Protein backbone atom coordinates (compact mmCIF):
# COMPACT_ATOMS: atom_id res chain seq x y z
CA MET A 1 68.03 9.07 41.23
CA ASP A 2 70.94 7.41 39.45
CA LYS A 3 69.95 4.97 36.73
CA LYS A 4 70.44 1.31 37.56
CA SER A 5 72.04 -0.88 34.89
CA TYR A 6 70.50 -4.15 33.70
CA ILE A 7 72.35 -7.48 33.47
CA ILE A 8 70.38 -10.13 31.54
CA TYR A 9 71.43 -13.71 32.26
CA ALA A 10 71.16 -15.65 29.00
CA PRO A 11 72.78 -18.36 26.88
CA ALA A 12 74.43 -17.69 23.52
CA TYR A 13 72.07 -16.26 20.91
CA SER A 14 70.18 -18.96 19.04
CA GLY A 15 66.97 -19.63 17.14
CA SER A 16 65.11 -20.38 20.38
CA ALA A 17 62.23 -17.92 20.82
CA GLY A 18 62.94 -17.51 24.55
CA VAL A 19 66.60 -16.70 23.92
CA ARG A 20 65.66 -14.22 21.19
CA VAL A 21 63.27 -12.48 23.61
CA LEU A 22 66.06 -12.05 26.19
CA TYR A 23 68.34 -10.43 23.61
CA ARG A 24 65.48 -8.29 22.32
CA LEU A 25 64.84 -7.12 25.88
CA ARG A 26 68.46 -6.00 26.07
CA ASP A 27 68.11 -4.08 22.80
CA THR A 28 64.83 -2.51 23.97
CA LEU A 29 66.30 -1.33 27.27
CA ALA A 30 69.39 0.03 25.50
CA LYS A 31 67.20 1.99 23.07
CA SER A 32 65.36 3.40 26.10
CA GLY A 33 68.60 4.92 27.34
CA PHE A 34 69.75 2.34 29.87
CA ASP A 35 73.01 0.45 30.20
CA ALA A 36 71.87 -3.11 29.47
CA LYS A 37 74.22 -6.03 28.95
CA ILE A 38 74.05 -9.82 28.52
CA PHE A 39 75.87 -12.08 30.95
CA CYS A 40 76.34 -15.14 28.74
CA HIS A 41 76.51 -18.32 30.81
CA SER A 42 77.33 -20.49 27.77
CA LYS A 43 80.93 -21.50 27.17
CA LYS A 44 80.89 -20.04 23.67
CA LYS A 45 79.14 -16.88 22.53
CA ASN A 46 77.58 -16.72 19.10
CA PRO A 47 80.27 -15.10 16.93
CA LYS A 48 77.59 -13.10 15.10
CA SER A 49 76.63 -11.27 18.31
CA PRO A 50 78.45 -7.93 18.79
CA SER A 51 80.89 -8.18 21.68
CA ASP A 52 79.89 -4.85 23.24
CA ILE A 53 76.51 -6.22 24.37
CA PHE A 54 78.18 -8.65 26.79
CA VAL A 55 79.51 -8.12 30.29
CA SER A 56 82.07 -10.21 32.16
CA HIS A 57 81.49 -11.23 35.76
CA PRO A 58 79.82 -8.24 37.47
CA SER A 59 81.57 -6.27 40.23
CA GLU A 60 80.47 -6.25 43.86
CA GLU A 61 79.28 -2.66 43.42
CA SER A 62 77.07 -3.75 40.50
CA ARG A 63 75.65 -6.66 42.53
CA GLN A 64 74.59 -4.27 45.27
CA LYS A 65 73.13 -1.52 43.06
CA ASP A 66 72.10 -2.82 39.65
CA ILE A 67 69.44 -5.25 38.42
CA VAL A 68 69.83 -8.82 37.18
CA ILE A 69 67.14 -10.39 34.98
CA TYR A 70 66.86 -14.19 35.02
CA PRO A 71 64.55 -16.31 32.85
CA GLU A 72 62.42 -18.79 34.78
CA VAL A 73 64.67 -21.76 33.86
CA ILE A 74 67.57 -20.47 35.98
CA VAL A 75 67.68 -21.80 39.53
CA GLY A 76 68.28 -19.30 42.31
CA ASN A 77 70.52 -16.27 41.97
CA PRO A 78 73.88 -17.46 40.61
CA LEU A 79 75.26 -13.90 40.15
CA LEU A 80 74.32 -12.97 43.75
CA PHE A 81 72.56 -9.69 42.94
CA ARG A 82 70.37 -7.93 45.49
CA ASN A 83 67.84 -6.68 42.93
CA VAL A 84 66.47 -9.68 41.01
CA VAL A 85 63.87 -9.64 38.23
CA ARG A 86 62.44 -12.97 37.07
CA PHE A 87 61.22 -12.85 33.46
CA ILE A 88 58.86 -15.82 33.07
CA LEU A 89 58.90 -17.02 29.47
CA ASN A 90 57.14 -20.36 29.98
CA LYS A 91 55.30 -22.27 32.69
CA PRO A 92 57.63 -22.30 35.72
CA GLY A 93 59.33 -25.69 35.91
CA PHE A 94 58.18 -26.87 32.46
CA LEU A 95 61.62 -26.49 30.86
CA GLY A 96 63.58 -26.60 34.11
CA GLY A 97 64.17 -24.30 37.02
CA GLU A 98 61.87 -23.77 39.96
CA THR A 99 58.09 -23.66 40.22
CA GLN A 100 58.22 -20.98 42.95
CA PHE A 101 60.52 -17.99 43.24
CA HIS A 102 62.21 -16.16 46.10
CA ASN A 103 59.95 -13.60 47.77
CA GLY A 104 62.51 -10.84 47.13
CA GLU A 105 62.28 -11.23 43.34
CA MET A 106 60.15 -9.02 41.10
CA LEU A 107 58.18 -11.14 38.61
CA PHE A 108 57.23 -10.27 35.04
CA SER A 109 55.52 -12.59 32.56
CA PHE A 110 55.86 -12.77 28.78
CA ASP A 111 52.38 -14.27 28.41
CA ARG A 112 49.37 -14.83 30.65
CA TYR A 113 49.83 -18.54 29.89
CA CYS A 114 53.16 -18.37 31.73
CA HIS A 115 51.93 -16.80 34.97
CA PRO A 116 48.38 -15.92 36.12
CA SER A 117 49.14 -12.65 37.88
CA ALA A 118 52.65 -11.28 37.21
CA PRO A 119 52.71 -7.99 35.25
CA MET A 120 53.06 -8.58 31.52
CA LEU A 121 56.00 -7.62 29.34
CA ARG A 122 54.97 -8.86 25.90
CA LEU A 123 57.84 -8.12 23.54
CA ASP A 124 57.26 -8.93 19.87
CA MET A 125 59.32 -12.03 19.13
CA LEU A 126 58.17 -12.24 15.50
CA ASP A 127 60.19 -10.75 12.65
CA ARG A 128 57.25 -9.48 10.64
CA ASP A 129 59.43 -8.08 7.86
CA LEU A 130 61.04 -11.48 7.31
CA PHE A 131 58.18 -13.94 7.84
CA VAL A 132 55.62 -12.85 5.23
CA ASP A 133 53.25 -14.63 2.87
CA ILE A 134 54.47 -14.09 -0.70
CA LYS A 135 51.69 -16.32 -2.11
CA ALA A 136 54.25 -18.83 -3.38
CA PRO A 137 53.09 -22.28 -4.59
CA LYS A 138 52.71 -24.74 -1.71
CA THR A 139 54.86 -27.71 -2.70
CA HIS A 140 55.31 -29.74 0.49
CA ASN A 141 54.28 -30.36 4.09
CA CYS A 142 56.57 -30.07 7.13
CA CYS A 143 56.79 -31.66 10.55
CA PHE A 144 58.22 -30.19 13.76
CA VAL A 145 59.07 -32.21 16.88
CA TYR A 146 60.65 -30.51 19.85
CA LYS A 147 59.57 -30.36 23.48
CA LYS A 148 56.89 -32.97 24.05
CA TYR A 149 56.94 -36.05 21.89
CA ALA A 150 59.03 -38.18 19.63
CA LYS A 151 57.81 -38.37 16.05
CA LEU A 152 55.04 -40.94 15.65
CA PRO A 153 54.44 -43.04 12.52
CA LEU A 154 51.26 -41.24 11.46
CA LYS A 155 49.84 -41.15 7.95
CA GLU A 156 49.69 -37.35 7.93
CA LEU A 157 53.48 -37.23 8.23
CA GLU A 158 54.27 -39.32 5.17
CA GLY A 159 56.61 -37.34 2.91
CA CYS A 160 56.89 -34.44 5.35
CA ILE A 161 60.09 -32.41 5.60
CA ASP A 162 61.41 -32.43 9.16
CA ILE A 163 62.18 -29.07 10.78
CA THR A 164 64.51 -29.37 13.78
CA MET A 165 66.31 -26.99 16.15
CA ASP A 166 69.40 -27.44 13.94
CA TRP A 167 67.80 -27.29 10.48
CA PRO A 168 67.23 -25.12 8.52
CA LYS A 169 70.55 -23.57 9.48
CA ASP A 170 69.54 -19.91 9.14
CA ARG A 171 66.40 -17.81 9.35
CA ALA A 172 66.32 -16.91 5.65
CA GLU A 173 66.31 -20.59 4.68
CA LEU A 174 63.54 -21.27 7.21
CA VAL A 175 61.46 -18.46 5.70
CA ARG A 176 61.82 -19.90 2.19
CA LEU A 177 60.77 -23.33 3.47
CA LEU A 178 57.71 -22.03 5.33
CA GLN A 179 56.59 -19.83 2.42
CA THR A 180 56.24 -22.94 0.24
CA THR A 181 54.72 -25.15 2.99
CA ASP A 182 51.09 -26.17 2.69
CA THR A 183 50.69 -27.65 6.20
CA LEU A 184 53.02 -27.68 9.19
CA TYR A 185 52.33 -30.62 11.52
CA SER A 186 53.73 -29.86 14.97
CA PHE A 187 54.13 -31.91 18.14
CA ASP A 188 54.88 -28.69 20.03
CA ASP A 189 51.84 -26.47 20.62
CA ASN A 190 53.74 -23.55 22.17
CA SER A 191 56.52 -22.70 19.74
CA CYS A 192 57.16 -19.43 17.93
CA LEU A 193 57.63 -21.53 14.77
CA LEU A 194 53.87 -22.06 14.57
CA GLN A 195 53.21 -18.33 14.42
CA GLU A 196 56.01 -17.82 11.90
CA ALA A 197 54.47 -20.50 9.69
CA CYS A 198 51.08 -18.75 9.87
CA LEU A 199 52.66 -15.44 8.85
CA CYS A 200 54.16 -17.24 5.84
CA GLY A 201 50.75 -18.50 4.75
CA ALA A 202 51.02 -22.13 5.88
CA LYS A 203 48.25 -24.07 7.59
CA VAL A 204 49.29 -25.37 11.02
CA LYS A 205 48.08 -28.44 12.90
CA THR A 206 49.21 -29.50 16.38
CA TYR A 207 49.25 -33.01 17.80
CA THR A 208 46.88 -34.10 20.58
CA PRO A 209 46.11 -37.61 21.88
CA GLU A 210 43.00 -37.48 19.66
CA GLY A 211 45.04 -36.61 16.55
CA PHE A 212 46.08 -33.42 14.80
CA LYS A 213 43.95 -30.31 15.42
CA ASP A 214 43.89 -26.95 13.66
CA TYR A 215 46.10 -24.35 15.34
CA ARG A 216 44.64 -20.88 15.82
CA PHE A 217 47.18 -18.05 15.77
CA ARG A 218 46.46 -15.67 18.65
CA ASP A 219 48.50 -12.58 17.82
CA GLU A 220 48.76 -10.98 21.25
CA PHE A 221 51.38 -8.39 20.41
CA ASP A 222 50.15 -4.82 20.78
CA ALA A 223 52.61 -1.95 20.29
CA GLU A 224 50.61 0.45 22.46
CA GLN A 225 50.29 -2.08 25.25
CA LEU A 226 54.01 -2.84 25.04
CA LYS A 227 54.83 0.84 25.55
CA LYS A 228 52.72 0.90 28.73
CA GLN A 229 54.17 -2.40 29.92
CA LEU A 230 57.72 -1.25 29.26
CA ASP A 231 57.15 2.06 31.07
CA TYR A 232 55.86 0.15 34.09
CA PHE A 233 58.75 -2.36 33.93
CA ILE A 234 61.34 0.42 33.86
CA ASP A 235 59.69 2.46 36.63
CA ALA A 236 59.19 -0.56 38.91
CA THR A 237 62.68 -1.99 38.44
CA GLN A 238 64.47 1.34 38.67
CA HIS A 239 62.87 1.82 42.10
CA MET A 240 63.90 -1.65 43.32
CA ASN A 241 65.89 -1.61 46.54
CA TYR A 242 65.83 -5.07 48.08
CA THR A 243 67.50 -5.11 51.49
CA GLY A 244 66.84 -8.66 52.72
CA PRO A 245 69.22 -11.64 52.59
CA VAL A 246 70.47 -12.48 49.10
CA ASN A 247 68.99 -15.67 47.68
CA LYS A 248 71.90 -17.78 46.47
CA LYS A 249 70.95 -21.32 45.54
CA GLY A 250 67.20 -21.49 45.06
CA TYR A 251 65.30 -24.57 46.16
CA LEU A 252 66.79 -27.44 44.13
CA SER A 253 68.47 -30.27 46.06
CA ILE A 254 70.94 -32.84 44.72
CA ALA A 255 68.93 -35.60 46.40
CA ARG A 256 65.84 -34.71 44.34
CA PHE A 257 67.68 -33.95 41.11
CA ILE A 258 69.86 -37.07 40.60
CA PRO A 259 67.14 -39.80 40.70
CA ALA A 260 64.85 -37.82 38.39
CA TYR A 261 67.67 -37.03 35.97
CA ILE A 262 68.73 -40.72 35.78
CA ALA A 263 65.14 -41.91 35.36
CA TRP A 264 64.52 -39.47 32.54
CA HIS A 265 67.58 -40.56 30.56
CA LEU A 266 66.92 -44.29 31.12
CA LEU A 267 63.36 -43.92 29.86
CA LYS A 268 64.53 -41.77 26.96
CA ALA A 269 67.03 -44.48 25.93
CA ALA A 270 64.40 -47.22 26.26
CA TYR A 271 61.95 -45.28 24.13
CA ALA A 272 64.54 -44.68 21.43
CA VAL A 273 65.22 -48.43 21.21
CA LEU A 274 61.74 -49.84 21.60
CA ARG A 275 59.72 -47.07 19.91
CA ILE A 276 56.63 -47.95 21.93
CA PRO A 277 54.01 -45.19 21.56
CA ALA A 278 52.47 -46.20 24.91
CA LEU A 279 55.56 -44.79 26.63
CA GLN A 280 54.81 -41.29 25.32
CA LYS A 281 52.66 -40.15 28.24
CA LYS A 282 55.08 -41.51 30.87
CA PHE A 283 58.04 -39.95 29.09
CA LEU A 284 56.29 -36.59 28.90
CA HIS A 285 55.34 -36.70 32.61
CA ILE A 286 58.91 -37.38 33.72
CA LYS A 287 60.43 -34.84 31.33
CA GLN A 288 58.08 -32.09 32.51
CA ASN A 289 58.98 -32.74 36.16
CA ILE A 290 62.77 -32.76 35.81
CA PRO A 291 64.59 -29.51 36.52
CA HIS A 292 67.18 -29.01 33.76
CA THR A 293 69.35 -26.57 35.68
CA ILE A 294 71.29 -26.79 38.88
CA GLY A 295 72.95 -23.91 40.68
CA GLY A 296 71.87 -21.66 37.83
CA PHE A 297 73.72 -23.54 35.08
CA TYR A 298 72.50 -25.99 32.48
CA VAL A 299 73.31 -29.64 33.21
CA ARG A 300 71.96 -31.38 30.12
């Protein structure tokens, strides 16, 4: 049987854990002897990424024979492949995309949290050689706000250094910051940053409506299990041969998307101006129920 190639649909490389996992999957498949490329749907590729890992728009022959891998945030099948793998990196619909997938797709899940029954493919997204505890003096606390909340005026956060998706600028600087952090207060309870902070020796607390709670690092990576999971992934996908109608657009309609998208941004603007903590729950509910992609491309 001829080997099928893999096309992984991903944005430009960034510090996002999900994006790093997609690029690591490409590297893992390439090391296993397969032709694996990234189809980058962002306008600009990260200049630090080697150009030979990317592929331009795939040919019709590739669409019929090879395998495309979409993360769960991508709606439908924008590259029109017959053999579609859906790699679920978070709760379906939580960060955009659909909550249900086409019956012709083969599902794999990064974590049991993401999907209750799809076969697991738990790649190690932690750089364990970089994020290490050097027993440095703990000179400050940090705060991280990302997916769920805006930063609240809480006493625990007084004097904290804010970590954002744009700062620190590089991984080495982030490591130095975390190695000297006593406590990381996070409003996001499902970020790779929390685990990286634990590896660097910091205490981590996550925000709940009852206040900050201790975060427990569940290190679920297992090299032996990954080998078995990867063997199954390769065997199952290499034997894919979907012959039904190609799913093109997914299930997202303009009529459902536009009102939700407008409502989300109006509420976001109101919250930024008024800073009313009571709006937090409503803001979170709307944000979690808005698909962030349409036709397979980001709209925000």
